[in-house]
mmCIF file of all heavy atoms, coordinates in Angstrom:
data_MODEL
# 
_entry.id   MODEL 
# 
loop_
_atom_site.group_PDB 
_atom_site.id 
_atom_site.type_symbol 
_atom_site.label_atom_id 
_atom_site.label_alt_id 
_atom_site.label_comp_id 
_atom_site.label_asym_id 
_atom_site.label_entity_id 
_atom_site.label_seq_id 
_atom_site.pdbx_PDB_ins_code 
_atom_site.Cartn_x 
_atom_site.Cartn_y 
_atom_site.Cartn_z 
_atom_site.occupancy 
_atom_site.B_iso_or_equiv 
_atom_site.pdbx_formal_charge 
_atom_site.auth_seq_id 
_atom_site.auth_comp_id 
_atom_site.auth_asym_id 
_atom_site.auth_atom_id 
_atom_site.pdbx_PDB_model_num 
ATOM 1   N N   . TYR A 1 1  ? -47.655 -53.489 -34.628 1.00 0.00 ? 1  TYR A N   1 
ATOM 2   C CA  . TYR A 1 1  ? -49.214 -53.413 -34.704 1.00 0.00 ? 1  TYR A CA  1 
ATOM 3   C C   . TYR A 1 1  ? -49.795 -53.373 -33.333 1.00 0.00 ? 1  TYR A C   1 
ATOM 4   O O   . TYR A 1 1  ? -50.784 -52.711 -33.035 1.00 0.00 ? 1  TYR A O   1 
ATOM 5   C CB  . TYR A 1 1  ? -49.705 -54.673 -35.467 1.00 0.00 ? 1  TYR A CB  1 
ATOM 6   C CG  . TYR A 1 1  ? -49.674 -54.462 -36.930 1.00 0.00 ? 1  TYR A CG  1 
ATOM 7   C CD1 . TYR A 1 1  ? -49.114 -55.466 -37.784 1.00 0.00 ? 1  TYR A CD1 1 
ATOM 8   C CD2 . TYR A 1 1  ? -50.402 -53.468 -37.547 1.00 0.00 ? 1  TYR A CD2 1 
ATOM 9   C CE1 . TYR A 1 1  ? -49.201 -55.228 -39.079 1.00 0.00 ? 1  TYR A CE1 1 
ATOM 10  C CE2 . TYR A 1 1  ? -50.455 -53.242 -38.941 1.00 0.00 ? 1  TYR A CE2 1 
ATOM 11  C CZ  . TYR A 1 1  ? -49.690 -54.156 -39.744 1.00 0.00 ? 1  TYR A CZ  1 
ATOM 12  O OH  . TYR A 1 1  ? -49.717 -53.996 -41.129 1.00 0.00 ? 1  TYR A OH  1 
ATOM 13  N N   . PHE A 1 2  ? -49.263 -54.155 -32.367 1.00 0.00 ? 2  PHE A N   1 
ATOM 14  C CA  . PHE A 1 2  ? -49.894 -54.447 -31.108 1.00 0.00 ? 2  PHE A CA  1 
ATOM 15  C C   . PHE A 1 2  ? -49.211 -53.565 -29.987 1.00 0.00 ? 2  PHE A C   1 
ATOM 16  O O   . PHE A 1 2  ? -49.907 -53.255 -28.980 1.00 0.00 ? 2  PHE A O   1 
ATOM 17  C CB  . PHE A 1 2  ? -49.861 -55.891 -30.614 1.00 0.00 ? 2  PHE A CB  1 
ATOM 18  C CG  . PHE A 1 2  ? -50.708 -56.709 -31.573 1.00 0.00 ? 2  PHE A CG  1 
ATOM 19  C CD1 . PHE A 1 2  ? -50.440 -58.016 -31.720 1.00 0.00 ? 2  PHE A CD1 1 
ATOM 20  C CD2 . PHE A 1 2  ? -51.874 -56.259 -32.271 1.00 0.00 ? 2  PHE A CD2 1 
ATOM 21  C CE1 . PHE A 1 2  ? -51.090 -58.912 -32.592 1.00 0.00 ? 2  PHE A CE1 1 
ATOM 22  C CE2 . PHE A 1 2  ? -52.539 -57.074 -33.107 1.00 0.00 ? 2  PHE A CE2 1 
ATOM 23  C CZ  . PHE A 1 2  ? -52.120 -58.410 -33.263 1.00 0.00 ? 2  PHE A CZ  1 
ATOM 24  N N   . ALA A 1 3  ? -48.013 -53.121 -30.093 1.00 0.00 ? 3  ALA A N   1 
ATOM 25  C CA  . ALA A 1 3  ? -47.247 -52.459 -29.171 1.00 0.00 ? 3  ALA A CA  1 
ATOM 26  C C   . ALA A 1 3  ? -47.091 -50.945 -29.485 1.00 0.00 ? 3  ALA A C   1 
ATOM 27  O O   . ALA A 1 3  ? -46.722 -50.102 -28.793 1.00 0.00 ? 3  ALA A O   1 
ATOM 28  C CB  . ALA A 1 3  ? -45.873 -52.962 -28.827 1.00 0.00 ? 3  ALA A CB  1 
ATOM 29  N N   . ASN A 1 4  ? -47.525 -50.713 -30.841 1.00 0.00 ? 4  ASN A N   1 
ATOM 30  C CA  . ASN A 1 4  ? -47.226 -49.445 -31.621 1.00 0.00 ? 4  ASN A CA  1 
ATOM 31  C C   . ASN A 1 4  ? -45.948 -48.843 -31.315 1.00 0.00 ? 4  ASN A C   1 
ATOM 32  O O   . ASN A 1 4  ? -45.741 -47.661 -31.044 1.00 0.00 ? 4  ASN A O   1 
ATOM 33  C CB  . ASN A 1 4  ? -48.307 -48.427 -31.031 1.00 0.00 ? 4  ASN A CB  1 
ATOM 34  C CG  . ASN A 1 4  ? -48.525 -47.246 -31.977 1.00 0.00 ? 4  ASN A CG  1 
ATOM 35  O OD1 . ASN A 1 4  ? -48.427 -47.477 -33.202 1.00 0.00 ? 4  ASN A OD1 1 
ATOM 36  N ND2 . ASN A 1 4  ? -48.760 -46.003 -31.455 1.00 0.00 ? 4  ASN A ND2 1 
ATOM 37  N N   . ARG A 1 5  ? -45.034 -49.698 -31.520 1.00 0.00 ? 5  ARG A N   1 
ATOM 38  C CA  . ARG A 1 5  ? -43.581 -49.322 -31.507 1.00 0.00 ? 5  ARG A CA  1 
ATOM 39  C C   . ARG A 1 5  ? -42.909 -49.319 -32.959 1.00 0.00 ? 5  ARG A C   1 
ATOM 40  O O   . ARG A 1 5  ? -43.211 -50.081 -33.641 1.00 0.00 ? 5  ARG A O   1 
ATOM 41  C CB  . ARG A 1 5  ? -42.693 -50.176 -30.592 1.00 0.00 ? 5  ARG A CB  1 
ATOM 42  C CG  . ARG A 1 5  ? -43.201 -50.201 -29.047 1.00 0.00 ? 5  ARG A CG  1 
ATOM 43  C CD  . ARG A 1 5  ? -42.772 -48.885 -28.360 1.00 0.00 ? 5  ARG A CD  1 
ATOM 44  N NE  . ARG A 1 5  ? -41.334 -48.532 -28.479 1.00 0.00 ? 5  ARG A NE  1 
ATOM 45  C CZ  . ARG A 1 5  ? -40.646 -47.719 -27.737 1.00 0.00 ? 5  ARG A CZ  1 
ATOM 46  N NH1 . ARG A 1 5  ? -41.335 -47.120 -26.630 1.00 0.00 ? 5  ARG A NH1 1 
ATOM 47  N NH2 . ARG A 1 5  ? -39.380 -47.579 -27.815 1.00 0.00 ? 5  ARG A NH2 1 
ATOM 48  N N   . TRP A 1 6  ? -42.023 -48.303 -33.131 1.00 0.00 ? 6  TRP A N   1 
ATOM 49  C CA  . TRP A 1 6  ? -41.357 -48.183 -34.444 1.00 0.00 ? 6  TRP A CA  1 
ATOM 50  C C   . TRP A 1 6  ? -40.349 -49.362 -34.381 1.00 0.00 ? 6  TRP A C   1 
ATOM 51  O O   . TRP A 1 6  ? -39.707 -49.750 -33.385 1.00 0.00 ? 6  TRP A O   1 
ATOM 52  C CB  . TRP A 1 6  ? -40.637 -46.982 -34.529 1.00 0.00 ? 6  TRP A CB  1 
ATOM 53  C CG  . TRP A 1 6  ? -41.435 -45.830 -34.805 1.00 0.00 ? 6  TRP A CG  1 
ATOM 54  C CD1 . TRP A 1 6  ? -42.117 -44.972 -33.900 1.00 0.00 ? 6  TRP A CD1 1 
ATOM 55  C CD2 . TRP A 1 6  ? -41.709 -45.190 -36.118 1.00 0.00 ? 6  TRP A CD2 1 
ATOM 56  N NE1 . TRP A 1 6  ? -42.872 -44.106 -34.421 1.00 0.00 ? 6  TRP A NE1 1 
ATOM 57  C CE2 . TRP A 1 6  ? -42.585 -44.136 -35.836 1.00 0.00 ? 6  TRP A CE2 1 
ATOM 58  C CE3 . TRP A 1 6  ? -41.341 -45.470 -37.322 1.00 0.00 ? 6  TRP A CE3 1 
ATOM 59  C CZ2 . TRP A 1 6  ? -43.086 -43.294 -36.805 1.00 0.00 ? 6  TRP A CZ2 1 
ATOM 60  C CZ3 . TRP A 1 6  ? -41.801 -44.700 -38.375 1.00 0.00 ? 6  TRP A CZ3 1 
ATOM 61  C CH2 . TRP A 1 6  ? -42.666 -43.630 -38.107 1.00 0.00 ? 6  TRP A CH2 1 
ATOM 62  N N   . VAL A 1 7  ? -40.109 -50.051 -35.634 1.00 0.00 ? 7  VAL A N   1 
ATOM 63  C CA  . VAL A 1 7  ? -39.270 -51.075 -35.672 1.00 0.00 ? 7  VAL A CA  1 
ATOM 64  C C   . VAL A 1 7  ? -38.119 -50.511 -36.775 1.00 0.00 ? 7  VAL A C   1 
ATOM 65  O O   . VAL A 1 7  ? -38.430 -49.693 -37.597 1.00 0.00 ? 7  VAL A O   1 
ATOM 66  C CB  . VAL A 1 7  ? -39.799 -52.337 -36.102 1.00 0.00 ? 7  VAL A CB  1 
ATOM 67  C CG1 . VAL A 1 7  ? -40.524 -52.887 -35.033 1.00 0.00 ? 7  VAL A CG1 1 
ATOM 68  C CG2 . VAL A 1 7  ? -40.642 -52.277 -37.465 1.00 0.00 ? 7  VAL A CG2 1 
ATOM 69  N N   . ASP A 1 8  ? -36.865 -51.009 -36.486 1.00 0.00 ? 8  ASP A N   1 
ATOM 70  C CA  . ASP A 1 8  ? -35.794 -50.590 -37.349 1.00 0.00 ? 8  ASP A CA  1 
ATOM 71  C C   . ASP A 1 8  ? -35.660 -51.052 -38.714 1.00 0.00 ? 8  ASP A C   1 
ATOM 72  O O   . ASP A 1 8  ? -34.806 -50.702 -39.489 1.00 0.00 ? 8  ASP A O   1 
ATOM 73  C CB  . ASP A 1 8  ? -34.444 -50.747 -36.670 1.00 0.00 ? 8  ASP A CB  1 
ATOM 74  C CG  . ASP A 1 8  ? -34.401 -50.019 -35.283 1.00 0.00 ? 8  ASP A CG  1 
ATOM 75  O OD1 . ASP A 1 8  ? -34.975 -48.927 -35.248 1.00 0.00 ? 8  ASP A OD1 1 
ATOM 76  O OD2 . ASP A 1 8  ? -33.666 -50.490 -34.383 1.00 0.00 ? 8  ASP A OD2 1 
ATOM 77  N N   . VAL A 1 9  ? -36.480 -52.169 -38.950 1.00 0.00 ? 9  VAL A N   1 
ATOM 78  C CA  . VAL A 1 9  ? -36.274 -52.877 -40.349 1.00 0.00 ? 9  VAL A CA  1 
ATOM 79  C C   . VAL A 1 9  ? -37.700 -52.802 -41.073 1.00 0.00 ? 9  VAL A C   1 
ATOM 80  O O   . VAL A 1 9  ? -38.708 -52.841 -40.468 1.00 0.00 ? 9  VAL A O   1 
ATOM 81  C CB  . VAL A 1 9  ? -35.825 -54.237 -40.105 1.00 0.00 ? 9  VAL A CB  1 
ATOM 82  C CG1 . VAL A 1 9  ? -34.404 -54.347 -39.455 1.00 0.00 ? 9  VAL A CG1 1 
ATOM 83  C CG2 . VAL A 1 9  ? -36.749 -55.132 -39.213 1.00 0.00 ? 9  VAL A CG2 1 
ATOM 84  N N   . SER A 1 10 ? -37.513 -52.938 -42.356 1.00 0.00 ? 10 SER A N   1 
ATOM 85  C CA  . SER A 1 10 ? -38.726 -53.023 -43.232 1.00 0.00 ? 10 SER A CA  1 
ATOM 86  C C   . SER A 1 10 ? -39.141 -54.427 -43.359 1.00 0.00 ? 10 SER A C   1 
ATOM 87  O O   . SER A 1 10 ? -38.550 -55.311 -42.929 1.00 0.00 ? 10 SER A O   1 
ATOM 88  C CB  . SER A 1 10 ? -38.419 -52.368 -44.711 1.00 0.00 ? 10 SER A CB  1 
ATOM 89  O OG  . SER A 1 10 ? -37.501 -53.206 -45.288 1.00 0.00 ? 10 SER A OG  1 
ATOM 90  N N   . SER A 1 11 ? -40.391 -54.526 -43.926 1.00 0.00 ? 11 SER A N   1 
ATOM 91  C CA  . SER A 1 11 ? -41.017 -55.973 -44.028 1.00 0.00 ? 11 SER A CA  1 
ATOM 92  C C   . SER A 1 11 ? -40.248 -56.898 -44.864 1.00 0.00 ? 11 SER A C   1 
ATOM 93  O O   . SER A 1 11 ? -40.383 -58.149 -44.692 1.00 0.00 ? 11 SER A O   1 
ATOM 94  C CB  . SER A 1 11 ? -42.486 -55.761 -44.439 1.00 0.00 ? 11 SER A CB  1 
ATOM 95  O OG  . SER A 1 11 ? -42.349 -55.084 -45.750 1.00 0.00 ? 11 SER A OG  1 
ATOM 96  N N   . ASP A 1 12 ? -39.366 -56.424 -45.838 1.00 0.00 ? 12 ASP A N   1 
ATOM 97  C CA  . ASP A 1 12 ? -38.655 -57.314 -46.664 1.00 0.00 ? 12 ASP A CA  1 
ATOM 98  C C   . ASP A 1 12 ? -37.192 -57.395 -46.115 1.00 0.00 ? 12 ASP A C   1 
ATOM 99  O O   . ASP A 1 12 ? -36.339 -57.975 -46.904 1.00 0.00 ? 12 ASP A O   1 
ATOM 100 C CB  . ASP A 1 12 ? -38.646 -56.881 -48.031 1.00 0.00 ? 12 ASP A CB  1 
ATOM 101 C CG  . ASP A 1 12 ? -38.237 -55.361 -48.323 1.00 0.00 ? 12 ASP A CG  1 
ATOM 102 O OD1 . ASP A 1 12 ? -37.813 -54.833 -47.316 1.00 0.00 ? 12 ASP A OD1 1 
ATOM 103 O OD2 . ASP A 1 12 ? -38.090 -55.021 -49.411 1.00 0.00 ? 12 ASP A OD2 1 
ATOM 104 N N   . SER A 1 13 ? -36.788 -56.964 -44.989 1.00 0.00 ? 13 SER A N   1 
ATOM 105 C CA  . SER A 1 13 ? -35.411 -57.089 -44.529 1.00 0.00 ? 13 SER A CA  1 
ATOM 106 C C   . SER A 1 13 ? -35.086 -58.525 -44.002 1.00 0.00 ? 13 SER A C   1 
ATOM 107 O O   . SER A 1 13 ? -36.002 -59.178 -43.382 1.00 0.00 ? 13 SER A O   1 
ATOM 108 C CB  . SER A 1 13 ? -35.235 -55.977 -43.578 1.00 0.00 ? 13 SER A CB  1 
ATOM 109 O OG  . SER A 1 13 ? -33.948 -56.070 -42.887 1.00 0.00 ? 13 SER A OG  1 
ATOM 110 N N   . TRP A 1 14 ? -33.834 -58.875 -44.090 1.00 0.00 ? 14 TRP A N   1 
ATOM 111 C CA  . TRP A 1 14 ? -33.425 -60.026 -43.477 1.00 0.00 ? 14 TRP A CA  1 
ATOM 112 C C   . TRP A 1 14 ? -33.326 -60.074 -42.020 1.00 0.00 ? 14 TRP A C   1 
ATOM 113 O O   . TRP A 1 14 ? -33.235 -61.052 -41.327 1.00 0.00 ? 14 TRP A O   1 
ATOM 114 C CB  . TRP A 1 14 ? -32.043 -60.531 -44.069 1.00 0.00 ? 14 TRP A CB  1 
ATOM 115 C CG  . TRP A 1 14 ? -30.911 -59.464 -43.794 1.00 0.00 ? 14 TRP A CG  1 
ATOM 116 C CD1 . TRP A 1 14 ? -30.734 -58.402 -44.524 1.00 0.00 ? 14 TRP A CD1 1 
ATOM 117 C CD2 . TRP A 1 14 ? -30.028 -59.481 -42.776 1.00 0.00 ? 14 TRP A CD2 1 
ATOM 118 N NE1 . TRP A 1 14 ? -29.505 -57.765 -43.966 1.00 0.00 ? 14 TRP A NE1 1 
ATOM 119 C CE2 . TRP A 1 14 ? -29.126 -58.369 -42.916 1.00 0.00 ? 14 TRP A CE2 1 
ATOM 120 C CE3 . TRP A 1 14 ? -29.707 -60.370 -41.662 1.00 0.00 ? 14 TRP A CE3 1 
ATOM 121 C CZ2 . TRP A 1 14 ? -28.120 -58.148 -41.988 1.00 0.00 ? 14 TRP A CZ2 1 
ATOM 122 C CZ3 . TRP A 1 14 ? -28.675 -60.061 -40.792 1.00 0.00 ? 14 TRP A CZ3 1 
ATOM 123 C CH2 . TRP A 1 14 ? -27.852 -58.849 -41.130 1.00 0.00 ? 14 TRP A CH2 1 
ATOM 124 N N   . LEU A 1 15 ? -33.606 -58.721 -41.455 1.00 0.00 ? 15 LEU A N   1 
ATOM 125 C CA  . LEU A 1 15 ? -33.567 -58.570 -39.944 1.00 0.00 ? 15 LEU A CA  1 
ATOM 126 C C   . LEU A 1 15 ? -34.969 -58.716 -39.416 1.00 0.00 ? 15 LEU A C   1 
ATOM 127 O O   . LEU A 1 15 ? -35.204 -58.464 -38.254 1.00 0.00 ? 15 LEU A O   1 
ATOM 128 C CB  . LEU A 1 15 ? -32.940 -57.273 -39.521 1.00 0.00 ? 15 LEU A CB  1 
ATOM 129 C CG  . LEU A 1 15 ? -31.464 -57.188 -39.583 1.00 0.00 ? 15 LEU A CG  1 
ATOM 130 C CD1 . LEU A 1 15 ? -31.033 -55.935 -39.328 1.00 0.00 ? 15 LEU A CD1 1 
ATOM 131 C CD2 . LEU A 1 15 ? -30.857 -58.090 -38.384 1.00 0.00 ? 15 LEU A CD2 1 
ATOM 132 N N   . LYS A 1 16 ? -35.990 -58.956 -40.238 1.00 0.00 ? 16 LYS A N   1 
ATOM 133 C CA  . LYS A 1 16 ? -37.372 -58.735 -39.798 1.00 0.00 ? 16 LYS A CA  1 
ATOM 134 C C   . LYS A 1 16 ? -37.741 -59.652 -38.639 1.00 0.00 ? 16 LYS A C   1 
ATOM 135 O O   . LYS A 1 16 ? -38.682 -59.333 -37.875 1.00 0.00 ? 16 LYS A O   1 
ATOM 136 C CB  . LYS A 1 16 ? -38.339 -58.940 -40.972 1.00 0.00 ? 16 LYS A CB  1 
ATOM 137 C CG  . LYS A 1 16 ? -38.259 -60.316 -41.557 1.00 0.00 ? 16 LYS A CG  1 
ATOM 138 C CD  . LYS A 1 16 ? -39.237 -60.389 -42.791 1.00 0.00 ? 16 LYS A CD  1 
ATOM 139 C CE  . LYS A 1 16 ? -39.284 -61.805 -43.324 1.00 0.00 ? 16 LYS A CE  1 
ATOM 140 N NZ  . LYS A 1 16 ? -40.162 -61.780 -44.527 1.00 0.00 ? 16 LYS A NZ  1 
ATOM 141 N N   . ASP A 1 17 ? -37.016 -60.881 -38.637 1.00 0.00 ? 17 ASP A N   1 
ATOM 142 C CA  . ASP A 1 17 ? -37.587 -61.768 -37.555 1.00 0.00 ? 17 ASP A CA  1 
ATOM 143 C C   . ASP A 1 17 ? -36.857 -61.500 -36.187 1.00 0.00 ? 17 ASP A C   1 
ATOM 144 O O   . ASP A 1 17 ? -37.116 -62.194 -35.140 1.00 0.00 ? 17 ASP A O   1 
ATOM 145 C CB  . ASP A 1 17 ? -37.285 -63.199 -37.986 1.00 0.00 ? 17 ASP A CB  1 
ATOM 146 C CG  . ASP A 1 17 ? -38.052 -63.673 -39.097 1.00 0.00 ? 17 ASP A CG  1 
ATOM 147 O OD1 . ASP A 1 17 ? -39.364 -63.196 -39.163 1.00 0.00 ? 17 ASP A OD1 1 
ATOM 148 O OD2 . ASP A 1 17 ? -37.662 -64.401 -40.057 1.00 0.00 ? 17 ASP A OD2 1 
ATOM 149 N N   . HIS A 1 18 ? -35.843 -60.569 -36.207 1.00 0.00 ? 18 HIS A N   1 
ATOM 150 C CA  . HIS A 1 18 ? -35.178 -60.117 -34.984 1.00 0.00 ? 18 HIS A CA  1 
ATOM 151 C C   . HIS A 1 18 ? -35.073 -58.562 -35.082 1.00 0.00 ? 18 HIS A C   1 
ATOM 152 O O   . HIS A 1 18 ? -34.073 -58.093 -35.159 1.00 0.00 ? 18 HIS A O   1 
ATOM 153 C CB  . HIS A 1 18 ? -33.743 -60.633 -35.026 1.00 0.00 ? 18 HIS A CB  1 
ATOM 154 C CG  . HIS A 1 18 ? -33.690 -62.229 -35.260 1.00 0.00 ? 18 HIS A CG  1 
ATOM 155 N ND1 . HIS A 1 18 ? -33.968 -63.151 -34.247 1.00 0.00 ? 18 HIS A ND1 1 
ATOM 156 C CD2 . HIS A 1 18 ? -33.588 -62.937 -36.435 1.00 0.00 ? 18 HIS A CD2 1 
ATOM 157 C CE1 . HIS A 1 18 ? -33.967 -64.389 -34.751 1.00 0.00 ? 18 HIS A CE1 1 
ATOM 158 N NE2 . HIS A 1 18 ? -33.660 -64.236 -36.113 1.00 0.00 ? 18 HIS A NE2 1 
ATOM 159 N N   . PRO A 1 19 ? -36.354 -57.965 -34.738 1.00 0.00 ? 19 PRO A N   1 
ATOM 160 C CA  . PRO A 1 19 ? -36.292 -56.505 -34.997 1.00 0.00 ? 19 PRO A CA  1 
ATOM 161 C C   . PRO A 1 19 ? -35.454 -55.750 -34.007 1.00 0.00 ? 19 PRO A C   1 
ATOM 162 O O   . PRO A 1 19 ? -35.003 -54.549 -34.248 1.00 0.00 ? 19 PRO A O   1 
ATOM 163 C CB  . PRO A 1 19 ? -37.778 -56.109 -34.792 1.00 0.00 ? 19 PRO A CB  1 
ATOM 164 C CG  . PRO A 1 19 ? -38.333 -57.418 -33.988 1.00 0.00 ? 19 PRO A CG  1 
ATOM 165 C CD  . PRO A 1 19 ? -37.522 -58.563 -34.483 1.00 0.00 ? 19 PRO A CD  1 
ATOM 166 N N   . ALA A 1 20 ? -35.104 -56.253 -32.758 1.00 0.00 ? 20 ALA A N   1 
ATOM 167 C CA  . ALA A 1 20 ? -34.218 -55.531 -31.760 1.00 0.00 ? 20 ALA A CA  1 
ATOM 168 C C   . ALA A 1 20 ? -32.779 -55.833 -32.107 1.00 0.00 ? 20 ALA A C   1 
ATOM 169 O O   . ALA A 1 20 ? -31.935 -55.040 -31.479 1.00 0.00 ? 20 ALA A O   1 
ATOM 170 C CB  . ALA A 1 20 ? -34.672 -55.978 -30.466 1.00 0.00 ? 20 ALA A CB  1 
ATOM 171 N N   . ALA A 1 21 ? -32.309 -56.698 -33.023 1.00 0.00 ? 21 ALA A N   1 
ATOM 172 C CA  . ALA A 1 21 ? -30.964 -57.124 -33.152 1.00 0.00 ? 21 ALA A CA  1 
ATOM 173 C C   . ALA A 1 21 ? -30.059 -55.799 -33.462 1.00 0.00 ? 21 ALA A C   1 
ATOM 174 O O   . ALA A 1 21 ? -28.965 -55.669 -32.952 1.00 0.00 ? 21 ALA A O   1 
ATOM 175 C CB  . ALA A 1 21 ? -30.865 -58.170 -34.280 1.00 0.00 ? 21 ALA A CB  1 
ATOM 176 N N   . TRP A 1 22 ? -30.660 -54.911 -34.367 1.00 0.00 ? 22 TRP A N   1 
ATOM 177 C CA  . TRP A 1 22 ? -29.655 -53.918 -34.836 1.00 0.00 ? 22 TRP A CA  1 
ATOM 178 C C   . TRP A 1 22 ? -29.494 -52.826 -33.617 1.00 0.00 ? 22 TRP A C   1 
ATOM 179 O O   . TRP A 1 22 ? -28.412 -52.414 -33.358 1.00 0.00 ? 22 TRP A O   1 
ATOM 180 C CB  . TRP A 1 22 ? -30.424 -53.228 -36.073 1.00 0.00 ? 22 TRP A CB  1 
ATOM 181 C CG  . TRP A 1 22 ? -29.537 -52.107 -36.611 1.00 0.00 ? 22 TRP A CG  1 
ATOM 182 C CD1 . TRP A 1 22 ? -29.765 -50.771 -36.693 1.00 0.00 ? 22 TRP A CD1 1 
ATOM 183 C CD2 . TRP A 1 22 ? -28.256 -52.295 -37.380 1.00 0.00 ? 22 TRP A CD2 1 
ATOM 184 N NE1 . TRP A 1 22 ? -28.743 -50.132 -37.337 1.00 0.00 ? 22 TRP A NE1 1 
ATOM 185 C CE2 . TRP A 1 22 ? -27.899 -50.978 -37.746 1.00 0.00 ? 22 TRP A CE2 1 
ATOM 186 C CE3 . TRP A 1 22 ? -27.489 -53.405 -37.733 1.00 0.00 ? 22 TRP A CE3 1 
ATOM 187 C CZ2 . TRP A 1 22 ? -26.737 -50.767 -38.409 1.00 0.00 ? 22 TRP A CZ2 1 
ATOM 188 C CZ3 . TRP A 1 22 ? -26.370 -53.182 -38.437 1.00 0.00 ? 22 TRP A CZ3 1 
ATOM 189 C CH2 . TRP A 1 22 ? -26.031 -51.895 -38.846 1.00 0.00 ? 22 TRP A CH2 1 
ATOM 190 N N   . SER A 1 23 ? -30.613 -52.423 -33.048 1.00 0.00 ? 23 SER A N   1 
ATOM 191 C CA  . SER A 1 23 ? -30.531 -51.461 -31.958 1.00 0.00 ? 23 SER A CA  1 
ATOM 192 C C   . SER A 1 23 ? -29.897 -52.058 -30.727 1.00 0.00 ? 23 SER A C   1 
ATOM 193 O O   . SER A 1 23 ? -29.084 -51.209 -30.030 1.00 0.00 ? 23 SER A O   1 
ATOM 194 C CB  . SER A 1 23 ? -31.999 -51.123 -31.476 1.00 0.00 ? 23 SER A CB  1 
ATOM 195 O OG  . SER A 1 23 ? -32.772 -52.225 -30.983 1.00 0.00 ? 23 SER A OG  1 
ATOM 196 N N   . ASN A 1 24 ? -29.715 -53.438 -30.645 1.00 0.00 ? 24 ASN A N   1 
ATOM 197 C CA  . ASN A 1 24 ? -28.915 -53.968 -29.586 1.00 0.00 ? 24 ASN A CA  1 
ATOM 198 C C   . ASN A 1 24 ? -27.389 -53.908 -29.741 1.00 0.00 ? 24 ASN A C   1 
ATOM 199 O O   . ASN A 1 24 ? -26.534 -54.188 -28.924 1.00 0.00 ? 24 ASN A O   1 
ATOM 200 C CB  . ASN A 1 24 ? -29.249 -55.438 -29.355 1.00 0.00 ? 24 ASN A CB  1 
ATOM 201 C CG  . ASN A 1 24 ? -30.690 -55.644 -28.721 1.00 0.00 ? 24 ASN A CG  1 
ATOM 202 O OD1 . ASN A 1 24 ? -31.175 -54.703 -28.126 1.00 0.00 ? 24 ASN A OD1 1 
ATOM 203 N ND2 . ASN A 1 24 ? -31.252 -56.881 -28.792 1.00 0.00 ? 24 ASN A ND2 1 
# 
């Protein structure tokens, strides 16, 4: 919302609290 960056996970994913974990 605030950085207007795409995130790799959907709102109901277990990765939602760590959005950079997958790309890392």
